[in-house]
Amino acid sequence: MSDGHVYWDAARALERLGGDEGLFRDIVQLFLHEAPKHLAGLRQALAQRDKDSVERIAHTLKGELSYLGVSGAAHHASKLEDAGRNGDLECAVSILISLEKDVEGLLQNMHRALLERNSSLSPIQPSGAHSNG
């Protein structure tokens, strides 16, 4: 079981993106927007006993988490994907509880990382622009 304390190395994720701050921000904001929808979709699929949707949504979330370098949460998503594939929806419910805690912790870390990055970024002048001061 997860306690919701998810390790996410924002600096490493940025490094994996070639140091592109704009891309980093876009990807994090996209995940912040989409992850709650994925979790809601998983809850709905489990309530409807729709193993195919559980498998599909968990697979999508696993890919996103892996891309972001959150291996623990990606592992839970992988186990959930397997449970959906195997039709073991009772097991899937307990895995989803752990995954939800992981993702909630990750979302908090991401919000914090964006705030820290926004407060530490200085205005950037376009190339070739010169300050007259």
C-alpha atoms as a PDB file:
ATOM      1  CA  MET A   1       0.000   0.000   0.000  1.00  0.00           C
ATOM      2  CA  SER A   2       1.105   3.541  -0.697  1.00  0.00           C
ATOM      3  CA  ASP A   3       1.012   6.328   1.863  1.00  0.00           C
ATOM      4  CA  GLY A   4       0.644   9.047  -0.773  1.00  0.00           C
ATOM      5  CA  HIS A   5       4.250  10.215  -0.449  1.00  0.00           C
ATOM      6  CA  VAL A   6       5.379   9.955  -4.041  1.00  0.00           C
ATOM      7  CA  TYR A   7       8.931  10.666  -5.019  1.00  0.00           C
ATOM      8  CA  TRP A   8       9.063  12.782  -8.169  1.00  0.00           C
ATOM      9  CA  ASP A   9      12.275  14.420  -9.233  1.00  0.00           C
ATOM     10  CA  ALA A  10      11.125  17.480 -11.162  1.00  0.00           C
ATOM     11  CA  ALA A  11      14.715  18.399 -12.064  1.00  0.00           C
ATOM     12  CA  ARG A  12      15.276  14.954 -13.566  1.00  0.00           C
ATOM     13  CA  ALA A  13      11.997  15.163 -15.489  1.00  0.00           C
ATOM     14  CA  LEU A  14      13.115  18.531 -16.861  1.00  0.00           C
ATOM     15  CA  GLU A  15      16.476  17.034 -17.788  1.00  0.00           C
ATOM     16  CA  ARG A  16      14.707  14.206 -19.670  1.00  0.00           C
ATOM     17  CA  LEU A  17      12.964  16.950 -21.683  1.00  0.00           C
ATOM     18  CA  GLY A  18      16.275  18.486 -22.705  1.00  0.00           C
ATOM     19  CA  GLY A  19      15.923  21.328 -20.191  1.00  0.00           C
ATOM     20  CA  ASP A  20      12.971  22.804 -22.098  1.00  0.00           C
ATOM     21  CA  GLU A  21      11.079  24.719 -19.365  1.00  0.00           C
ATOM     22  CA  GLY A  22       8.122  25.458 -21.645  1.00  0.00           C
ATOM     23  CA  LEU A  23       7.674  21.816 -22.585  1.00  0.00           C
ATOM     24  CA  PHE A  24       8.091  20.823 -18.937  1.00  0.00           C
ATOM     25  CA  ARG A  25       5.345  23.253 -17.888  1.00  0.00           C
ATOM     26  CA  ASP A  26       3.056  22.074 -20.696  1.00  0.00           C
ATOM     27  CA  ILE A  27       3.476  18.399 -19.835  1.00  0.00           C
ATOM     28  CA  VAL A  28       2.991  18.961 -16.113  1.00  0.00           C
ATOM     29  CA  GLN A  29      -0.086  21.106 -16.698  1.00  0.00           C
ATOM     30  CA  LEU A  30      -1.513  18.498 -19.074  1.00  0.00           C
ATOM     31  CA  PHE A  31      -0.982  15.765 -16.480  1.00  0.00           C
ATOM     32  CA  LEU A  32      -2.547  17.956 -13.769  1.00  0.00           C
ATOM     33  CA  HIS A  33      -5.587  18.332 -16.010  1.00  0.00           C
ATOM     34  CA  GLU A  34      -5.855  14.739 -17.273  1.00  0.00           C
ATOM     35  CA  ALA A  35      -4.899  12.598 -14.253  1.00  0.00           C
ATOM     36  CA  PRO A  36      -8.083  13.350 -12.264  1.00  0.00           C
ATOM     37  CA  LYS A  37     -10.117  12.397 -15.346  1.00  0.00           C
ATOM     38  CA  HIS A  38      -8.224   9.099 -15.609  1.00  0.00           C
ATOM     39  CA  LEU A  39      -8.898   8.323 -11.956  1.00  0.00           C
ATOM     40  CA  ALA A  40     -12.581   9.176 -12.316  1.00  0.00           C
ATOM     41  CA  GLY A  41     -12.739   6.966 -15.417  1.00  0.00           C
ATOM     42  CA  LEU A  42     -11.144   4.102 -13.494  1.00  0.00           C
ATOM     43  CA  ARG A  43     -13.627   4.470 -10.628  1.00  0.00           C
ATOM     44  CA  GLN A  44     -16.518   4.505 -13.092  1.00  0.00           C
ATOM     45  CA  ALA A  45     -15.171   1.495 -15.016  1.00  0.00           C
ATOM     46  CA  LEU A  46     -14.824  -0.478 -11.780  1.00  0.00           C
ATOM     47  CA  ALA A  47     -18.329   0.503 -10.675  1.00  0.00           C
ATOM     48  CA  GLN A  48     -19.643  -0.758 -14.040  1.00  0.00           C
ATOM     49  CA  ARG A  49     -17.390  -3.842 -13.874  1.00  0.00           C
ATOM     50  CA  ASP A  50     -15.901  -2.828 -17.246  1.00  0.00           C
ATOM     51  CA  LYS A  51     -12.586  -4.683 -17.211  1.00  0.00           C
ATOM     52  CA  ASP A  52     -11.622  -3.501 -20.716  1.00  0.00           C
ATOM     53  CA  SER A  53     -11.890   0.156 -19.724  1.00  0.00           C
ATOM     54  CA  VAL A  54      -9.940  -0.510 -16.520  1.00  0.00           C
ATOM     55  CA  GLU A  55      -7.169  -2.072 -18.579  1.00  0.00           C
ATOM     56  CA  ARG A  56      -7.152   0.725 -21.193  1.00  0.00           C
ATOM     57  CA  ILE A  57      -7.211   3.665 -18.771  1.00  0.00           C
ATOM     58  CA  ALA A  58      -4.624   2.060 -16.470  1.00  0.00           C
ATOM     59  CA  HIS A  59      -2.380   1.489 -19.499  1.00  0.00           C
ATOM     60  CA  THR A  60      -2.637   5.171 -20.452  1.00  0.00           C
ATOM     61  CA  LEU A  61      -1.877   6.300 -16.917  1.00  0.00           C
ATOM     62  CA  LYS A  62       1.052   3.867 -16.677  1.00  0.00           C
ATOM     63  CA  GLY A  63       2.597   5.413 -19.802  1.00  0.00           C
ATOM     64  CA  GLU A  64       2.170   8.958 -18.538  1.00  0.00           C
ATOM     65  CA  LEU A  65       3.617   8.127 -15.126  1.00  0.00           C
ATOM     66  CA  SER A  66       6.554   6.283 -16.681  1.00  0.00           C
ATOM     67  CA  TYR A  67       7.257   9.218 -18.988  1.00  0.00           C
ATOM     68  CA  LEU A  68       7.295  11.537 -15.970  1.00  0.00           C
ATOM     69  CA  GLY A  69       9.685   9.195 -14.162  1.00  0.00           C
ATOM     70  CA  VAL A  70       7.318   8.207 -11.343  1.00  0.00           C
ATOM     71  CA  SER A  71       8.163   4.516 -11.219  1.00  0.00           C
ATOM     72  CA  GLY A  72       6.277   3.589  -8.027  1.00  0.00           C
ATOM     73  CA  ALA A  73       2.983   4.981  -9.272  1.00  0.00           C
ATOM     74  CA  ALA A  74       3.626   3.547 -12.744  1.00  0.00           C
ATOM     75  CA  HIS A  75       4.068   0.142 -11.092  1.00  0.00           C
ATOM     76  CA  HIS A  76       0.642   0.463  -9.419  1.00  0.00           C
ATOM     77  CA  ALA A  77      -0.880   1.463 -12.767  1.00  0.00           C
ATOM     78  CA  SER A  78       0.747  -1.589 -14.366  1.00  0.00           C
ATOM     79  CA  LYS A  79      -0.691  -3.871 -11.675  1.00  0.00           C
ATOM     80  CA  LEU A  80      -4.106  -2.271 -12.240  1.00  0.00           C
ATOM     81  CA  GLU A  81      -3.786  -2.806 -15.982  1.00  0.00           C
ATOM     82  CA  ASP A  82      -3.007  -6.495 -15.362  1.00  0.00           C
ATOM     83  CA  ALA A  83      -5.967  -6.842 -12.990  1.00  0.00           C
ATOM     84  CA  GLY A  84      -8.256  -5.363 -15.649  1.00  0.00           C
ATOM     85  CA  ARG A  85      -6.832  -7.651 -18.312  1.00  0.00           C
ATOM     86  CA  ASN A  86      -7.361 -10.665 -16.038  1.00  0.00           C
ATOM     87  CA  GLY A  87     -10.836  -9.565 -14.957  1.00  0.00           C
ATOM     88  CA  ASP A  88      -9.781  -9.454 -11.284  1.00  0.00           C
ATOM     89  CA  LEU A  89     -11.829  -6.393 -10.422  1.00  0.00           C
ATOM     90  CA  GLU A  90     -11.823  -7.009  -6.657  1.00  0.00           C
ATOM     91  CA  CYS A  91      -8.034  -6.813  -6.696  1.00  0.00           C
ATOM     92  CA  ALA A  92      -8.265  -3.804  -9.023  1.00  0.00           C
ATOM     93  CA  VAL A  93     -10.240  -1.868  -6.412  1.00  0.00           C
ATOM     94  CA  SER A  94      -7.483  -2.190  -3.794  1.00  0.00           C
ATOM     95  CA  ILE A  95      -4.799  -1.316  -6.350  1.00  0.00           C
ATOM     96  CA  LEU A  96      -6.780   1.751  -7.394  1.00  0.00           C
ATOM     97  CA  ILE A  97      -6.806   2.974  -3.789  1.00  0.00           C
ATOM     98  CA  SER A  98      -2.989   2.890  -3.755  1.00  0.00           C
ATOM     99  CA  LEU A  99      -2.753   4.458  -7.201  1.00  0.00           C
ATOM    100  CA  GLU A 100      -5.098   7.281  -6.205  1.00  0.00           C
ATOM    101  CA  LYS A 101      -2.912   8.082  -3.186  1.00  0.00           C
ATOM    102  CA  ASP A 102       0.168   8.038  -5.430  1.00  0.00           C
ATOM    103  CA  VAL A 103      -1.395  10.345  -8.002  1.00  0.00           C
ATOM    104  CA  GLU A 104      -2.791  12.723  -5.381  1.00  0.00           C
ATOM    105  CA  GLY A 105       0.684  13.038  -3.854  1.00  0.00           C
ATOM    106  CA  LEU A 106       2.195  13.520  -7.293  1.00  0.00           C
ATOM    107  CA  LEU A 107      -0.307  16.242  -8.183  1.00  0.00           C
ATOM    108  CA  GLN A 108       0.634  18.111  -4.997  1.00  0.00           C
ATOM    109  CA  ASN A 109       4.333  17.774  -5.859  1.00  0.00           C
ATOM    110  CA  MET A 110       3.673  19.011  -9.391  1.00  0.00           C
ATOM    111  CA  HIS A 111       1.735  22.043  -8.204  1.00  0.00           C
ATOM    112  CA  ARG A 112       4.585  22.854  -5.838  1.00  0.00           C
ATOM    113  CA  ALA A 113       7.194  22.377  -8.585  1.00  0.00           C
ATOM    114  CA  LEU A 114       5.318  24.718 -10.935  1.00  0.00           C
ATOM    115  CA  LEU A 115       5.017  27.366  -8.225  1.00  0.00           C
ATOM    116  CA  GLU A 116       8.719  27.106  -7.410  1.00  0.00           C
ATOM    117  CA  ARG A 117       9.705  27.280 -11.077  1.00  0.00           C
ATOM    118  CA  ASN A 118       7.408  30.231 -11.742  1.00  0.00           C
ATOM    119  CA  SER A 119       8.787  32.172  -8.791  1.00  0.00           C
ATOM    120  CA  SER A 120      12.411  31.444  -9.721  1.00  0.00           C
ATOM    121  CA  LEU A 121      12.136  32.276 -13.418  1.00  0.00           C
ATOM    122  CA  SER A 122      13.336  35.698 -14.456  1.00  0.00           C
ATOM    123  CA  PRO A 123      11.958  37.442 -17.510  1.00  0.00           C
ATOM    124  CA  ILE A 124      13.753  36.279 -20.629  1.00  0.00           C
ATOM    125  CA  GLN A 125      14.404  38.648 -23.481  1.00  0.00           C
ATOM    126  CA  PRO A 126      14.078  37.364 -27.042  1.00  0.00           C
ATOM    127  CA  SER A 127      17.412  36.523 -28.719  1.00  0.00           C
ATOM    128  CA  GLY A 128      19.101  39.552 -30.085  1.00  0.00           C
ATOM    129  CA  ALA A 129      17.235  41.919 -27.771  1.00  0.00           C
ATOM    130  CA  HIS A 130      19.448  44.285 -25.862  1.00  0.00           C
ATOM    131  CA  SER A 131      18.711  46.033 -22.641  1.00  0.00           C
ATOM    132  CA  ASN A 132      19.166  49.790 -22.815  1.00  0.00           C
ATOM    133  CA  GLY A 133      19.889  50.483 -19.215  1.00  0.00           C
END
